[in-house]
Amino acid sequence: MSTRPIFLVTGATGMLGTAVADRLDRAGGLVVRTARRTQAGTVHVDLTQDPSSWQVPDHVSVAFLLAAVTSLESCRRSPTASRAVNVTGTIALAKRLIERGAFVIFPSTNLVFDGSTARRLADDSTGPCTEYGRQKVEVEARLLELGDRVCVVRFTKVLSPKTVLIRRWVDDLGAGRTVRPFDDFPLAPVSLSFATTVLERVAFEKPSGVLQVSATHDVSYAQVVLRLCGQLGVPVARVSAVPARGNGFDGEHLPAFTSLDASRLEMIFDLAPPSPYEAVDACVGLTESEPPRHG
């Protein structure tokens, strides 16, 4: 019998799921990818269906619960349907895996907080202002009740070169078009590479409780675009910053801050919170200094 650890990655066709599964492959693990729709190289796990239909293998070492409805608008418009995946199905799957001896990793979000304060501590009282955030708060609490075989990893915005908004801005700037980013909407982004490194370290070292992953501080979307201009050699005159309200923002909540305190991450893994601009630079193909990997 193989002694390689077995990693279960649900939602393995999404941005984060694909990156995590590929990283674990390179680390020498046996990776089982799941997807809601039948696809080559994946097993079928639809969290809206009866658990008896889930093709969950035995002897999973570590499970990443990445299958989710992540659109804030979808959660707002369809709270019952999104809750079936994000809460009911996720908790049922986690319980099943933990009962079989797996360590469970659950990615969460800064949206468990109300966004009124910068660098929120992991043990601060939650206060979500969106349906998506409320669902995450419920799952966090119920999973942490299951014991020390659970790690909740709260992320701020994760950026990659494939992030739709980044791609659109890069295309527009390159074509000489003016872009109008929000100057009052904050983010404290980390790169997909950094996020994946954190999850790989959690998988091998298995800290329990809550970890938070965030850039050092918040910047606005307008500042992100100005950074893109500098890296692409594009005149900043092509940027016309606007406030969110009245210019296309119709979300539930406009936070003042999104950043999280990531001191426990640095203490456990010696991974210092990156500058928000490192994530922006990684999106335009500049060399990113990847954090140390496990082993």
C-alpha atoms as a PDB file:
ATOM      1  CA  MET A   1       0.000   0.000   0.000  1.00  0.00           C
ATOM      2  CA  SER A   2       1.238   3.485  -0.885  1.00  0.00           C
ATOM      3  CA  THR A   3       2.508   5.553   2.024  1.00  0.00           C
ATOM      4  CA  ARG A   4       1.887   8.803   0.189  1.00  0.00           C
ATOM      5  CA  PRO A   5      -0.647  11.091   1.882  1.00  0.00           C
ATOM      6  CA  ILE A   6      -4.037  11.257   0.190  1.00  0.00           C
ATOM      7  CA  PHE A   7      -5.324  14.792  -0.353  1.00  0.00           C
ATOM      8  CA  LEU A   8      -8.952  15.429  -1.210  1.00  0.00           C
ATOM      9  CA  VAL A   9      -9.541  18.741  -2.998  1.00  0.00           C
ATOM     10  CA  THR A  10     -13.182  19.627  -3.498  1.00  0.00           C
ATOM     11  CA  GLY A  11     -13.971  22.305  -6.028  1.00  0.00           C
ATOM     12  CA  ALA A  12     -10.764  21.342  -7.804  1.00  0.00           C
ATOM     13  CA  THR A  13     -11.735  23.029 -11.075  1.00  0.00           C
ATOM     14  CA  GLY A  14     -11.871  26.524  -9.549  1.00  0.00           C
ATOM     15  CA  MET A  15      -8.981  28.978  -9.383  1.00  0.00           C
ATOM     16  CA  LEU A  16      -7.818  28.086  -5.886  1.00  0.00           C
ATOM     17  CA  GLY A  17      -8.715  24.397  -6.165  1.00  0.00           C
ATOM     18  CA  THR A  18      -6.713  23.945  -9.353  1.00  0.00           C
ATOM     19  CA  ALA A  19      -3.672  25.706  -7.879  1.00  0.00           C
ATOM     20  CA  VAL A  20      -3.819  23.712  -4.625  1.00  0.00           C
ATOM     21  CA  ALA A  21      -4.222  20.362  -6.383  1.00  0.00           C
ATOM     22  CA  ASP A  22      -1.332  21.098  -8.739  1.00  0.00           C
ATOM     23  CA  ARG A  23       0.901  22.189  -5.841  1.00  0.00           C
ATOM     24  CA  LEU A  24       0.152  19.018  -3.873  1.00  0.00           C
ATOM     25  CA  ASP A  25       0.874  16.915  -6.943  1.00  0.00           C
ATOM     26  CA  ARG A  26       4.319  18.481  -7.118  1.00  0.00           C
ATOM     27  CA  ALA A  27       4.799  17.901  -3.393  1.00  0.00           C
ATOM     28  CA  GLY A  28       4.413  14.164  -3.906  1.00  0.00           C
ATOM     29  CA  GLY A  29       0.920  13.585  -2.565  1.00  0.00           C
ATOM     30  CA  LEU A  30      -1.839  11.491  -4.066  1.00  0.00           C
ATOM     31  CA  VAL A  31      -4.456  14.078  -5.012  1.00  0.00           C
ATOM     32  CA  VAL A  32      -8.121  13.256  -5.471  1.00  0.00           C
ATOM     33  CA  ARG A  33      -9.919  16.087  -7.238  1.00  0.00           C
ATOM     34  CA  THR A  34     -13.674  16.489  -7.000  1.00  0.00           C
ATOM     35  CA  ALA A  35     -16.109  18.507  -9.075  1.00  0.00           C
ATOM     36  CA  ARG A  36     -19.848  19.045  -9.131  1.00  0.00           C
ATOM     37  CA  ARG A  37     -20.027  18.132 -12.816  1.00  0.00           C
ATOM     38  CA  THR A  38     -18.447  14.961 -14.148  1.00  0.00           C
ATOM     39  CA  GLN A  39     -15.091  15.819 -15.698  1.00  0.00           C
ATOM     40  CA  ALA A  40     -12.026  13.879 -16.694  1.00  0.00           C
ATOM     41  CA  GLY A  41      -9.619  13.494 -13.794  1.00  0.00           C
ATOM     42  CA  THR A  42     -12.221  14.277 -11.113  1.00  0.00           C
ATOM     43  CA  VAL A  43     -14.665  12.349  -8.976  1.00  0.00           C
ATOM     44  CA  HIS A  44     -18.254  13.448  -8.540  1.00  0.00           C
ATOM     45  CA  VAL A  45     -19.170  15.328  -5.374  1.00  0.00           C
ATOM     46  CA  ASP A  46     -22.232  17.588  -5.568  1.00  0.00           C
ATOM     47  CA  LEU A  47     -22.863  19.102  -2.154  1.00  0.00           C
ATOM     48  CA  THR A  48     -26.507  19.727  -3.017  1.00  0.00           C
ATOM     49  CA  GLN A  49     -27.166  16.010  -3.417  1.00  0.00           C
ATOM     50  CA  ASP A  50     -27.649  13.256  -0.867  1.00  0.00           C
ATOM     51  CA  PRO A  51     -24.341  12.368   0.809  1.00  0.00           C
ATOM     52  CA  SER A  52     -24.767   8.744  -0.281  1.00  0.00           C
ATOM     53  CA  SER A  53     -24.009   9.914  -3.843  1.00  0.00           C
ATOM     54  CA  TRP A  54     -20.655  11.439  -2.927  1.00  0.00           C
ATOM     55  CA  GLN A  55     -17.649   9.563  -4.256  1.00  0.00           C
ATOM     56  CA  VAL A  56     -15.461  10.275  -1.262  1.00  0.00           C
ATOM     57  CA  PRO A  57     -12.494   7.890  -0.963  1.00  0.00           C
ATOM     58  CA  ASP A  58     -11.498   6.187   2.271  1.00  0.00           C
ATOM     59  CA  HIS A  59      -8.233   6.982   4.051  1.00  0.00           C
ATOM     60  CA  VAL A  60      -8.088  10.678   3.144  1.00  0.00           C
ATOM     61  CA  SER A  61      -5.229  12.333   5.021  1.00  0.00           C
ATOM     62  CA  VAL A  62      -6.171  15.964   4.438  1.00  0.00           C
ATOM     63  CA  ALA A  63      -9.270  17.460   2.832  1.00  0.00           C
ATOM     64  CA  PHE A  64      -9.586  20.943   1.359  1.00  0.00           C
ATOM     65  CA  LEU A  65     -13.198  22.116   1.358  1.00  0.00           C
ATOM     66  CA  LEU A  66     -12.973  24.468  -1.615  1.00  0.00           C
ATOM     67  CA  ALA A  67     -16.321  23.737  -3.295  1.00  0.00           C
ATOM     68  CA  ALA A  68     -18.544  26.751  -2.703  1.00  0.00           C
ATOM     69  CA  VAL A  69     -20.816  29.386  -4.172  1.00  0.00           C
ATOM     70  CA  THR A  70     -18.414  32.322  -3.889  1.00  0.00           C
ATOM     71  CA  SER A  71     -20.359  35.026  -5.712  1.00  0.00           C
ATOM     72  CA  LEU A  72     -21.684  37.527  -3.203  1.00  0.00           C
ATOM     73  CA  GLU A  73     -24.485  38.407  -5.578  1.00  0.00           C
ATOM     74  CA  SER A  74     -25.507  34.758  -6.021  1.00  0.00           C
ATOM     75  CA  CYS A  75     -25.606  34.276  -2.256  1.00  0.00           C
ATOM     76  CA  ARG A  76     -27.669  37.439  -1.835  1.00  0.00           C
ATOM     77  CA  ARG A  77     -30.143  36.544  -4.564  1.00  0.00           C
ATOM     78  CA  SER A  78     -30.386  32.843  -3.740  1.00  0.00           C
ATOM     79  CA  PRO A  79     -29.636  32.407  -0.024  1.00  0.00           C
ATOM     80  CA  THR A  80     -31.371  29.024   0.248  1.00  0.00           C
ATOM     81  CA  ALA A  81     -29.646  27.486  -2.772  1.00  0.00           C
ATOM     82  CA  SER A  82     -26.225  28.861  -1.861  1.00  0.00           C
ATOM     83  CA  ARG A  83     -26.641  27.787   1.742  1.00  0.00           C
ATOM     84  CA  ALA A  84     -27.262  24.209   0.625  1.00  0.00           C
ATOM     85  CA  VAL A  85     -23.704  24.161  -0.743  1.00  0.00           C
ATOM     86  CA  ASN A  86     -21.860  26.596   1.499  1.00  0.00           C
ATOM     87  CA  VAL A  87     -23.317  25.460   4.813  1.00  0.00           C
ATOM     88  CA  THR A  88     -25.357  22.248   4.800  1.00  0.00           C
ATOM     89  CA  GLY A  89     -23.313  20.268   2.309  1.00  0.00           C
ATOM     90  CA  THR A  90     -19.963  21.557   3.525  1.00  0.00           C
ATOM     91  CA  ILE A  91     -20.652  20.670   7.155  1.00  0.00           C
ATOM     92  CA  ALA A  92     -21.979  17.218   6.257  1.00  0.00           C
ATOM     93  CA  LEU A  93     -18.899  16.455   4.188  1.00  0.00           C
ATOM     94  CA  ALA A  94     -16.551  17.754   6.878  1.00  0.00           C
ATOM     95  CA  LYS A  95     -18.160  15.581   9.547  1.00  0.00           C
ATOM     96  CA  ARG A  96     -17.902  12.529   7.325  1.00  0.00           C
ATOM     97  CA  LEU A  97     -14.233  13.144   6.613  1.00  0.00           C
ATOM     98  CA  ILE A  98     -13.300  13.876  10.221  1.00  0.00           C
ATOM     99  CA  GLU A  99     -15.069  10.726  11.384  1.00  0.00           C
ATOM    100  CA  ARG A 100     -12.809   8.815   8.988  1.00  0.00           C
ATOM    101  CA  GLY A 101      -9.677  10.456  10.398  1.00  0.00           C
ATOM    102  CA  ALA A 102      -9.044  13.258   7.927  1.00  0.00           C
ATOM    103  CA  PHE A 103      -7.725  16.698   8.774  1.00  0.00           C
ATOM    104  CA  VAL A 104     -10.036  19.327   7.258  1.00  0.00           C
ATOM    105  CA  ILE A 105      -8.999  22.721   5.882  1.00  0.00           C
ATOM    106  CA  PHE A 106     -11.754  25.265   5.321  1.00  0.00           C
ATOM    107  CA  PRO A 107     -10.989  28.513   3.461  1.00  0.00           C
ATOM    108  CA  SER A 108     -12.966  31.434   4.821  1.00  0.00           C
ATOM    109  CA  THR A 109     -12.983  35.175   4.250  1.00  0.00           C
ATOM    110  CA  ASN A 110     -12.451  38.609   5.757  1.00  0.00           C
ATOM    111  CA  LEU A 111     -16.183  39.099   5.156  1.00  0.00           C
ATOM    112  CA  VAL A 112     -16.899  37.372   8.455  1.00  0.00           C
ATOM    113  CA  PHE A 113     -16.181  40.875   9.849  1.00  0.00           C
ATOM    114  CA  ASP A 114     -18.042  44.123   9.205  1.00  0.00           C
ATOM    115  CA  GLY A 115     -15.057  45.911   7.666  1.00  0.00           C
ATOM    116  CA  SER A 116     -15.089  48.788  10.128  1.00  0.00           C
ATOM    117  CA  THR A 117     -11.571  48.158  11.468  1.00  0.00           C
ATOM    118  CA  ALA A 118      -8.241  47.353   9.818  1.00  0.00           C
ATOM    119  CA  ARG A 119      -6.195  44.234  10.593  1.00  0.00           C
ATOM    120  CA  ARG A 120      -8.911  42.437  12.512  1.00  0.00           C
ATOM    121  CA  LEU A 121      -7.684  39.878  15.043  1.00  0.00           C
ATOM    122  CA  ALA A 122      -8.618  36.243  14.563  1.00  0.00           C
ATOM    123  CA  ASP A 123     -10.529  36.138  17.846  1.00  0.00           C
ATOM    124  CA  ASP A 124     -12.401  39.418  17.309  1.00  0.00           C
ATOM    125  CA  SER A 125     -16.167  39.090  17.337  1.00  0.00           C
ATOM    126  CA  THR A 126     -17.518  38.432  13.878  1.00  0.00           C
ATOM    127  CA  GLY A 127     -20.182  40.646  12.365  1.00  0.00           C
ATOM    128  CA  PRO A 128     -20.830  39.853   8.710  1.00  0.00           C
ATOM    129  CA  CYS A 129     -22.783  42.288   6.557  1.00  0.00           C
ATOM    130  CA  THR A 130     -23.332  39.987   3.565  1.00  0.00           C
ATOM    131  CA  GLU A 131     -25.161  36.706   3.105  1.00  0.00           C
ATOM    132  CA  TYR A 132     -21.912  35.081   1.973  1.00  0.00           C
ATOM    133  CA  GLY A 133     -20.178  36.274   5.139  1.00  0.00           C
ATOM    134  CA  ARG A 134     -23.011  35.009   7.331  1.00  0.00           C
ATOM    135  CA  GLN A 135     -22.751  31.580   5.756  1.00  0.00           C
ATOM    136  CA  LYS A 136     -19.007  31.484   6.350  1.00  0.00           C
ATOM    137  CA  VAL A 137     -19.444  32.498   9.995  1.00  0.00           C
ATOM    138  CA  GLU A 138     -21.878  29.642  10.581  1.00  0.00           C
ATOM    139  CA  VAL A 139     -19.621  27.063   8.984  1.00  0.00           C
ATOM    140  CA  GLU A 140     -16.547  28.313  10.845  1.00  0.00           C
ATOM    141  CA  ALA A 141     -18.298  27.975  14.189  1.00  0.00           C
ATOM    142  CA  ARG A 142     -19.720  24.538  13.511  1.00  0.00           C
ATOM    143  CA  LEU A 143     -16.473  23.141  12.136  1.00  0.00           C
ATOM    144  CA  LEU A 144     -14.386  24.453  15.022  1.00  0.00           C
ATOM    145  CA  GLU A 145     -16.757  22.635  17.385  1.00  0.00           C
ATOM    146  CA  LEU A 146     -15.602  19.359  15.813  1.00  0.00           C
ATOM    147  CA  GLY A 147     -12.184  19.481  17.488  1.00  0.00           C
ATOM    148  CA  ASP A 148      -8.540  19.882  16.589  1.00  0.00           C
ATOM    149  CA  ARG A 149      -8.708  18.233  13.163  1.00  0.00           C
ATOM    150  CA  VAL A 150      -9.952  21.465  11.602  1.00  0.00           C
ATOM    151  CA  CYS A 151      -8.140  24.571  10.396  1.00  0.00           C
ATOM    152  CA  VAL A 152     -10.100  27.602   9.223  1.00  0.00           C
ATOM    153  CA  VAL A 153      -7.991  29.788   6.927  1.00  0.00           C
ATOM    154  CA  ARG A 154      -9.422  33.258   6.404  1.00  0.00           C
ATOM    155  CA  PHE A 155      -8.258  34.969   3.233  1.00  0.00           C
ATOM    156  CA  THR A 156      -8.538  38.511   2.013  1.00  0.00           C
ATOM    157  CA  LYS A 157      -8.793  39.000  -1.762  1.00  0.00           C
ATOM    158  CA  VAL A 158      -6.723  36.458  -3.712  1.00  0.00           C
ATOM    159  CA  LEU A 159      -5.456  37.764  -7.053  1.00  0.00           C
ATOM    160  CA  SER A 160      -4.102  35.853 -10.017  1.00  0.00           C
ATOM    161  CA  PRO A 161      -3.300  36.785 -13.627  1.00  0.00           C
ATOM    162  CA  LYS A 162      -6.670  35.215 -14.490  1.00  0.00           C
ATOM    163  CA  THR A 163      -8.686  37.436 -12.141  1.00  0.00           C
ATOM    164  CA  VAL A 164     -11.374  38.825 -14.449  1.00  0.00           C
ATOM    165  CA  LEU A 165     -11.157  42.430 -13.282  1.00  0.00           C
ATOM    166  CA  ILE A 166      -7.368  42.490 -13.507  1.00  0.00           C
ATOM    167  CA  ARG A 167      -7.443  41.042 -17.024  1.00  0.00           C
ATOM    168  CA  ARG A 168     -10.027  43.590 -18.095  1.00  0.00           C
ATOM    169  CA  TRP A 169      -7.987  46.474 -16.727  1.00  0.00           C
ATOM    170  CA  VAL A 170      -4.778  45.245 -18.342  1.00  0.00           C
ATOM    171  CA  ASP A 171      -6.553  44.834 -21.693  1.00  0.00           C
ATOM    172  CA  ASP A 172      -8.191  48.258 -21.485  1.00  0.00           C
ATOM    173  CA  LEU A 173      -4.998  50.030 -20.464  1.00  0.00           C
ATOM    174  CA  GLY A 174      -3.060  48.289 -23.206  1.00  0.00           C
ATOM    175  CA  ALA A 175      -5.655  49.332 -25.764  1.00  0.00           C
ATOM    176  CA  GLY A 176      -5.497  52.963 -24.685  1.00  0.00           C
ATOM    177  CA  ARG A 177      -8.920  52.993 -23.050  1.00  0.00           C
ATOM    178  CA  THR A 178      -9.665  54.876 -19.835  1.00  0.00           C
ATOM    179  CA  VAL A 179     -10.488  52.747 -16.788  1.00  0.00           C
ATOM    180  CA  ARG A 180     -12.599  53.895 -13.858  1.00  0.00           C
ATOM    181  CA  PRO A 181     -11.682  51.967 -10.700  1.00  0.00           C
ATOM    182  CA  PHE A 182     -13.284  52.671  -7.332  1.00  0.00           C
ATOM    183  CA  ASP A 183     -11.210  54.921  -5.097  1.00  0.00           C
ATOM    184  CA  ASP A 184     -13.164  54.065  -1.943  1.00  0.00           C
ATOM    185  CA  PHE A 185     -13.335  50.273  -2.147  1.00  0.00           C
ATOM    186  CA  PRO A 186     -10.471  48.624  -0.220  1.00  0.00           C
ATOM    187  CA  LEU A 187      -8.660  45.350  -0.600  1.00  0.00           C
ATOM    188  CA  ALA A 188      -5.632  43.780   1.067  1.00  0.00           C
ATOM    189  CA  PRO A 189      -4.747  41.280  -1.664  1.00  0.00           C
ATOM    190  CA  VAL A 190      -2.451  38.294  -1.624  1.00  0.00           C
ATOM    191  CA  SER A 191      -1.278  36.437  -4.696  1.00  0.00           C
ATOM    192  CA  LEU A 192      -2.571  33.028  -5.673  1.00  0.00           C
ATOM    193  CA  SER A 193       0.959  31.682  -5.208  1.00  0.00           C
ATOM    194  CA  PHE A 194       1.128  32.965  -1.632  1.00  0.00           C
ATOM    195  CA  ALA A 195      -2.333  31.597  -0.819  1.00  0.00           C
ATOM    196  CA  THR A 196      -1.427  28.205  -2.231  1.00  0.00           C
ATOM    197  CA  THR A 197       1.819  28.101  -0.295  1.00  0.00           C
ATOM    198  CA  VAL A 198      -0.067  28.777   2.927  1.00  0.00           C
ATOM    199  CA  LEU A 199      -2.543  25.980   2.235  1.00  0.00           C
ATOM    200  CA  GLU A 200       0.259  23.544   1.413  1.00  0.00           C
ATOM    201  CA  ARG A 201       1.972  24.350   4.711  1.00  0.00           C
ATOM    202  CA  VAL A 202      -1.297  23.875   6.598  1.00  0.00           C
ATOM    203  CA  ALA A 203      -1.789  20.506   4.913  1.00  0.00           C
ATOM    204  CA  PHE A 204       1.587  19.190   6.043  1.00  0.00           C
ATOM    205  CA  GLU A 205       1.854  20.816   9.465  1.00  0.00           C
ATOM    206  CA  LYS A 206      -1.848  20.682  10.476  1.00  0.00           C
ATOM    207  CA  PRO A 207      -2.297  23.604  12.862  1.00  0.00           C
ATOM    208  CA  SER A 208      -5.798  23.702  14.283  1.00  0.00           C
ATOM    209  CA  GLY A 209      -8.004  26.720  14.880  1.00  0.00           C
ATOM    210  CA  VAL A 210      -8.051  29.902  12.825  1.00  0.00           C
ATOM    211  CA  LEU A 211      -5.313  31.296  10.585  1.00  0.00           C
ATOM    212  CA  GLN A 212      -5.614  34.610   8.755  1.00  0.00           C
ATOM    213  CA  VAL A 213      -3.924  35.460   5.456  1.00  0.00           C
ATOM    214  CA  SER A 214      -3.737  39.092   4.411  1.00  0.00           C
ATOM    215  CA  ALA A 215      -1.540  41.729   2.883  1.00  0.00           C
ATOM    216  CA  THR A 216       0.068  44.162   5.295  1.00  0.00           C
ATOM    217  CA  HIS A 217      -2.542  46.848   4.669  1.00  0.00           C
ATOM    218  CA  ASP A 218      -5.468  47.926   2.549  1.00  0.00           C
ATOM    219  CA  VAL A 219      -5.237  49.780  -0.737  1.00  0.00           C
ATOM    220  CA  SER A 220      -8.027  50.964  -3.015  1.00  0.00           C
ATOM    221  CA  TYR A 221      -8.869  49.498  -6.392  1.00  0.00           C
ATOM    222  CA  ALA A 222      -7.738  52.808  -7.867  1.00  0.00           C
ATOM    223  CA  GLN A 223      -4.305  52.318  -6.272  1.00  0.00           C
ATOM    224  CA  VAL A 224      -4.166  48.840  -7.781  1.00  0.00           C
ATOM    225  CA  VAL A 225      -4.759  50.270 -11.250  1.00  0.00           C
ATOM    226  CA  LEU A 226      -2.147  52.974 -10.736  1.00  0.00           C
ATOM    227  CA  ARG A 227       0.329  50.237  -9.807  1.00  0.00           C
ATOM    228  CA  LEU A 228      -0.620  48.369 -12.986  1.00  0.00           C
ATOM    229  CA  CYS A 229       0.045  51.523 -14.986  1.00  0.00           C
ATOM    230  CA  GLY A 230       3.505  51.797 -13.511  1.00  0.00           C
ATOM    231  CA  GLN A 231       4.368  48.172 -14.214  1.00  0.00           C
ATOM    232  CA  LEU A 232       2.924  48.244 -17.737  1.00  0.00           C
ATOM    233  CA  GLY A 233       4.429  51.608 -18.646  1.00  0.00           C
ATOM    234  CA  VAL A 234       0.995  53.113 -19.246  1.00  0.00           C
ATOM    235  CA  PRO A 235       0.228  56.820 -18.576  1.00  0.00           C
ATOM    236  CA  VAL A 236      -1.730  57.342 -15.371  1.00  0.00           C
ATOM    237  CA  ALA A 237      -3.906  59.756 -17.323  1.00  0.00           C
ATOM    238  CA  ARG A 238      -5.825  56.678 -18.451  1.00  0.00           C
ATOM    239  CA  VAL A 239      -7.107  56.222 -14.896  1.00  0.00           C
ATOM    240  CA  SER A 240     -10.208  58.111 -13.812  1.00  0.00           C
ATOM    241  CA  ALA A 241     -11.022  57.031 -10.263  1.00  0.00           C
ATOM    242  CA  VAL A 242     -14.643  57.176  -9.112  1.00  0.00           C
ATOM    243  CA  PRO A 243     -16.566  56.417  -5.891  1.00  0.00           C
ATOM    244  CA  ALA A 244     -18.294  53.063  -5.720  1.00  0.00           C
ATOM    245  CA  ARG A 245     -21.767  54.339  -4.926  1.00  0.00           C
ATOM    246  CA  GLY A 246     -23.532  55.527  -8.039  1.00  0.00           C
ATOM    247  CA  ASN A 247     -20.917  54.052 -10.374  1.00  0.00           C
ATOM    248  CA  GLY A 248     -21.912  50.429 -10.719  1.00  0.00           C
ATOM    249  CA  PHE A 249     -21.556  49.153  -7.171  1.00  0.00           C
ATOM    250  CA  ASP A 250     -24.787  47.519  -6.077  1.00  0.00           C
ATOM    251  CA  GLY A 251     -23.491  45.132  -3.446  1.00  0.00           C
ATOM    252  CA  GLU A 252     -24.771  44.603   0.062  1.00  0.00           C
ATOM    253  CA  HIS A 253     -21.887  46.248   1.864  1.00  0.00           C
ATOM    254  CA  LEU A 254     -19.030  48.658   1.215  1.00  0.00           C
ATOM    255  CA  PRO A 255     -16.357  48.015   3.872  1.00  0.00           C
ATOM    256  CA  ALA A 256     -13.918  50.608   5.104  1.00  0.00           C
ATOM    257  CA  PHE A 257     -11.200  47.945   5.553  1.00  0.00           C
ATOM    258  CA  THR A 258     -10.594  44.340   4.552  1.00  0.00           C
ATOM    259  CA  SER A 259      -7.175  43.607   6.081  1.00  0.00           C
ATOM    260  CA  LEU A 260      -6.652  40.953   8.734  1.00  0.00           C
ATOM    261  CA  ASP A 261      -4.047  40.426  11.429  1.00  0.00           C
ATOM    262  CA  ALA A 262      -1.805  37.623  10.169  1.00  0.00           C
ATOM    263  CA  SER A 263       0.584  37.402  13.109  1.00  0.00           C
ATOM    264  CA  ARG A 264      -0.246  33.759  13.847  1.00  0.00           C
ATOM    265  CA  LEU A 265       0.633  32.840  10.268  1.00  0.00           C
ATOM    266  CA  GLU A 266       4.017  34.478  10.681  1.00  0.00           C
ATOM    267  CA  MET A 267       4.555  32.874  14.086  1.00  0.00           C
ATOM    268  CA  ILE A 268       3.742  29.328  12.933  1.00  0.00           C
ATOM    269  CA  PHE A 269       5.154  29.306   9.404  1.00  0.00           C
ATOM    270  CA  ASP A 270       7.527  32.284   9.372  1.00  0.00           C
ATOM    271  CA  LEU A 271       5.509  33.702   6.470  1.00  0.00           C
ATOM    272  CA  ALA A 272       5.421  37.484   6.759  1.00  0.00           C
ATOM    273  CA  PRO A 273       2.336  39.231   5.365  1.00  0.00           C
ATOM    274  CA  PRO A 274       3.223  40.537   1.891  1.00  0.00           C
ATOM    275  CA  SER A 275       2.742  44.031   0.536  1.00  0.00           C
ATOM    276  CA  PRO A 276      -0.543  44.320  -1.372  1.00  0.00           C
ATOM    277  CA  TYR A 277       1.456  45.362  -4.413  1.00  0.00           C
ATOM    278  CA  GLU A 278       3.226  41.989  -4.558  1.00  0.00           C
ATOM    279  CA  ALA A 279      -0.085  40.437  -5.568  1.00  0.00           C
ATOM    280  CA  VAL A 280      -0.624  43.131  -8.203  1.00  0.00           C
ATOM    281  CA  ASP A 281       2.858  42.643  -9.658  1.00  0.00           C
ATOM    282  CA  ALA A 282       2.326  38.887  -9.869  1.00  0.00           C
ATOM    283  CA  CYS A 283      -0.738  39.530 -12.032  1.00  0.00           C
ATOM    284  CA  VAL A 284       1.285  41.175 -14.783  1.00  0.00           C
ATOM    285  CA  GLY A 285       3.919  38.490 -15.040  1.00  0.00           C
ATOM    286  CA  LEU A 286       6.610  40.072 -12.917  1.00  0.00           C
ATOM    287  CA  THR A 287       8.773  37.677 -10.961  1.00  0.00           C
ATOM    288  CA  GLU A 288       7.263  36.925  -7.583  1.00  0.00           C
ATOM    289  CA  SER A 289       9.438  35.716  -4.737  1.00  0.00           C
ATOM    290  CA  GLU A 290       7.581  32.598  -3.691  1.00  0.00           C
ATOM    291  CA  PRO A 291       7.515  31.905   0.040  1.00  0.00           C
ATOM    292  CA  PRO A 292       9.429  28.849   1.268  1.00  0.00           C
ATOM    293  CA  ARG A 293       7.620  25.601   0.557  1.00  0.00           C
ATOM    294  CA  HIS A 294       7.192  22.635   2.862  1.00  0.00           C
ATOM    295  CA  GLY A 295      10.295  20.556   3.154  1.00  0.00           C
END
